[in-house]
N, C-alpha and C. Protein backbone atom coordinates (compact mmCIF):
# COMPACT_ATOMS: atom_id res chain seq x y z
N MET A 1 90.61 100.65 57.36
CA MET A 1 90.66 101.85 56.52
C MET A 1 92.13 102.18 56.23
N THR A 2 92.36 102.70 55.05
CA THR A 2 93.70 103.14 54.70
C THR A 2 93.94 104.56 55.23
N LEU A 3 95.17 104.99 55.16
CA LEU A 3 95.49 106.35 55.59
C LEU A 3 94.72 107.36 54.75
N ASP A 4 94.60 107.11 53.46
CA ASP A 4 93.85 108.03 52.61
C ASP A 4 92.37 108.05 52.98
N ASP A 5 91.83 106.91 53.38
CA ASP A 5 90.43 106.87 53.86
C ASP A 5 90.27 107.75 55.09
N TYR A 6 91.21 107.63 56.04
CA TYR A 6 91.15 108.47 57.24
C TYR A 6 91.29 109.95 56.87
N ARG A 7 92.17 110.24 55.93
CA ARG A 7 92.36 111.63 55.49
C ARG A 7 91.05 112.20 54.96
N LYS A 8 90.39 111.45 54.12
CA LYS A 8 89.12 111.90 53.54
C LYS A 8 88.04 112.01 54.62
N GLU A 9 88.02 111.05 55.54
CA GLU A 9 87.04 111.08 56.65
C GLU A 9 87.20 112.35 57.48
N CYS A 10 88.44 112.80 57.64
CA CYS A 10 88.71 114.03 58.40
C CYS A 10 88.46 115.29 57.57
N GLY A 11 88.28 115.13 56.26
CA GLY A 11 88.04 116.28 55.39
C GLY A 11 89.30 117.07 55.09
N TRP A 12 90.44 116.40 55.13
CA TRP A 12 91.72 117.07 54.94
C TRP A 12 92.32 116.82 53.56
N SER A 13 93.05 117.81 53.09
CA SER A 13 93.93 117.61 51.93
C SER A 13 95.17 116.90 52.47
N ILE A 14 96.02 116.43 51.57
CA ILE A 14 97.27 115.81 52.00
C ILE A 14 98.12 116.84 52.75
N LEU A 15 98.16 118.06 52.25
CA LEU A 15 98.93 119.11 52.90
C LEU A 15 98.40 119.40 54.30
N GLU A 16 97.09 119.48 54.44
CA GLU A 16 96.49 119.74 55.76
C GLU A 16 96.80 118.60 56.73
N MET A 17 96.73 117.38 56.26
CA MET A 17 97.04 116.25 57.13
C MET A 17 98.49 116.32 57.59
N ALA A 18 99.38 116.66 56.68
CA ALA A 18 100.80 116.79 57.04
C ALA A 18 100.99 117.89 58.08
N LYS A 19 100.31 119.01 57.90
CA LYS A 19 100.42 120.11 58.86
C LYS A 19 99.89 119.70 60.23
N ARG A 20 98.76 119.02 60.26
CA ARG A 20 98.16 118.60 61.53
C ARG A 20 99.07 117.63 62.28
N ALA A 21 99.77 116.79 61.51
CA ALA A 21 100.68 115.81 62.12
C ALA A 21 102.08 116.39 62.35
N ASN A 22 102.29 117.60 61.85
CA ASN A 22 103.59 118.26 61.98
C ASN A 22 104.72 117.45 61.33
N ILE A 23 104.42 116.94 60.14
CA ILE A 23 105.43 116.24 59.34
C ILE A 23 105.45 116.88 57.95
N ASP A 24 106.50 116.61 57.19
CA ASP A 24 106.58 117.27 55.89
C ASP A 24 105.66 116.58 54.87
N PHE A 25 105.34 117.33 53.85
CA PHE A 25 104.41 116.89 52.81
C PHE A 25 104.90 115.62 52.12
N GLY A 26 106.19 115.56 51.84
CA GLY A 26 106.76 114.39 51.17
C GLY A 26 106.59 113.12 51.98
N THR A 27 106.80 113.24 53.28
CA THR A 27 106.61 112.09 54.16
C THR A 27 105.16 111.64 54.15
N MET A 28 104.24 112.59 54.17
CA MET A 28 102.82 112.25 54.14
C MET A 28 102.46 111.56 52.83
N LYS A 29 102.97 112.06 51.72
CA LYS A 29 102.69 111.42 50.43
C LYS A 29 103.23 109.99 50.41
N ARG A 30 104.43 109.80 50.97
CA ARG A 30 104.99 108.44 51.02
C ARG A 30 104.13 107.53 51.88
N ALA A 31 103.67 108.03 53.02
CA ALA A 31 102.83 107.23 53.91
C ALA A 31 101.54 106.82 53.21
N ILE A 32 100.92 107.75 52.51
CA ILE A 32 99.66 107.46 51.81
C ILE A 32 99.87 106.45 50.69
N SER A 33 101.02 106.53 50.04
CA SER A 33 101.27 105.61 48.92
C SER A 33 101.80 104.25 49.39
N GLY A 34 101.95 104.07 50.70
CA GLY A 34 102.37 102.78 51.23
C GLY A 34 103.86 102.59 51.38
N GLU A 35 104.62 103.67 51.14
CA GLU A 35 106.06 103.57 51.32
C GLU A 35 106.39 103.63 52.82
N THR A 36 107.60 103.23 53.16
CA THR A 36 108.03 103.17 54.55
C THR A 36 108.25 104.56 55.14
N ILE A 37 107.75 104.74 56.37
CA ILE A 37 107.98 105.97 57.12
C ILE A 37 108.49 105.59 58.52
N THR A 38 108.98 106.56 59.25
CA THR A 38 109.48 106.28 60.60
C THR A 38 108.32 106.08 61.58
N ALA A 39 108.63 105.43 62.69
CA ALA A 39 107.63 105.24 63.74
C ALA A 39 107.18 106.58 64.31
N ARG A 40 108.10 107.54 64.41
CA ARG A 40 107.76 108.87 64.92
C ARG A 40 106.71 109.53 64.03
N SER A 41 106.91 109.44 62.71
CA SER A 41 105.94 110.03 61.78
C SER A 41 104.59 109.32 61.88
N ALA A 42 104.62 108.01 61.97
CA ALA A 42 103.37 107.24 62.08
C ALA A 42 102.61 107.63 63.34
N LYS A 43 103.31 107.76 64.46
CA LYS A 43 102.67 108.15 65.72
C LYS A 43 102.07 109.53 65.62
N ALA A 44 102.76 110.45 64.95
CA ALA A 44 102.25 111.81 64.79
C ALA A 44 100.98 111.83 63.93
N ILE A 45 100.97 111.02 62.90
CA ILE A 45 99.79 110.93 62.03
C ILE A 45 98.60 110.37 62.81
N VAL A 46 98.83 109.28 63.54
CA VAL A 46 97.76 108.66 64.32
C VAL A 46 97.23 109.62 65.38
N LYS A 47 98.11 110.37 66.01
CA LYS A 47 97.67 111.34 67.02
C LYS A 47 96.77 112.41 66.39
N ALA A 48 97.17 112.92 65.23
CA ALA A 48 96.37 113.96 64.56
C ALA A 48 94.99 113.42 64.16
N ILE A 49 94.96 112.21 63.63
CA ILE A 49 93.68 111.60 63.24
C ILE A 49 92.80 111.39 64.47
N SER A 50 93.38 110.85 65.53
CA SER A 50 92.62 110.59 66.76
C SER A 50 92.02 111.87 67.32
N GLU A 51 92.80 112.94 67.34
CA GLU A 51 92.31 114.21 67.85
C GLU A 51 91.16 114.74 67.00
N GLU A 52 91.30 114.64 65.69
CA GLU A 52 90.25 115.15 64.79
C GLU A 52 88.97 114.33 64.91
N MET A 53 89.12 113.02 64.99
CA MET A 53 87.95 112.14 65.03
C MET A 53 87.38 111.96 66.44
N LYS A 54 88.12 112.50 67.43
CA LYS A 54 87.69 112.40 68.83
C LYS A 54 87.46 110.94 69.25
N GLN A 55 88.37 110.09 68.79
CA GLN A 55 88.38 108.68 69.17
C GLN A 55 89.80 108.15 68.99
N THR A 56 90.11 107.10 69.68
CA THR A 56 91.45 106.56 69.60
C THR A 56 91.62 105.72 68.34
N VAL A 57 92.61 106.10 67.55
CA VAL A 57 93.00 105.33 66.37
C VAL A 57 94.42 104.87 66.63
N SER A 58 94.70 103.60 66.37
CA SER A 58 96.05 103.10 66.58
C SER A 58 96.73 102.86 65.23
N ILE A 59 98.02 102.71 65.28
CA ILE A 59 98.78 102.43 64.06
C ILE A 59 98.25 101.17 63.39
N ARG A 60 97.88 100.18 64.19
CA ARG A 60 97.37 98.91 63.64
C ARG A 60 96.03 99.09 62.92
N ASP A 61 95.32 100.17 63.20
CA ASP A 61 94.02 100.41 62.56
C ASP A 61 94.16 100.89 61.12
N ILE A 62 95.34 101.33 60.74
CA ILE A 62 95.54 101.92 59.42
C ILE A 62 96.14 100.87 58.47
N GLU A 63 95.33 100.44 57.53
CA GLU A 63 95.77 99.43 56.55
C GLU A 63 96.86 100.00 55.65
N GLY A 64 97.90 99.23 55.45
CA GLY A 64 98.94 99.59 54.50
C GLY A 64 99.95 100.60 55.02
N LEU A 65 99.91 100.93 56.29
CA LEU A 65 100.88 101.86 56.86
C LEU A 65 102.15 101.08 57.15
N ASN A 66 103.25 101.43 56.48
CA ASN A 66 104.51 100.71 56.60
C ASN A 66 105.51 101.52 57.41
N ILE A 67 105.98 100.91 58.49
CA ILE A 67 106.89 101.60 59.42
C ILE A 67 108.21 100.87 59.44
N LYS A 68 109.30 101.67 59.38
CA LYS A 68 110.63 101.03 59.46
C LYS A 68 111.10 100.90 60.87
């Protein structure tokens, strides 16, 4: 699943996903569009998704997530 698939599965807007991960909106938009983000941001996103879905999601589970 892509990051946008996970976002939709959680029922979140892009802004809500950014808030849940405690990262800025621009970073979230870049992550969703496949642009490079930091490992810290990626970990925060994965943590927020895992908490919402009540299951462990890893960075490797997200297709197209590019980390510098």
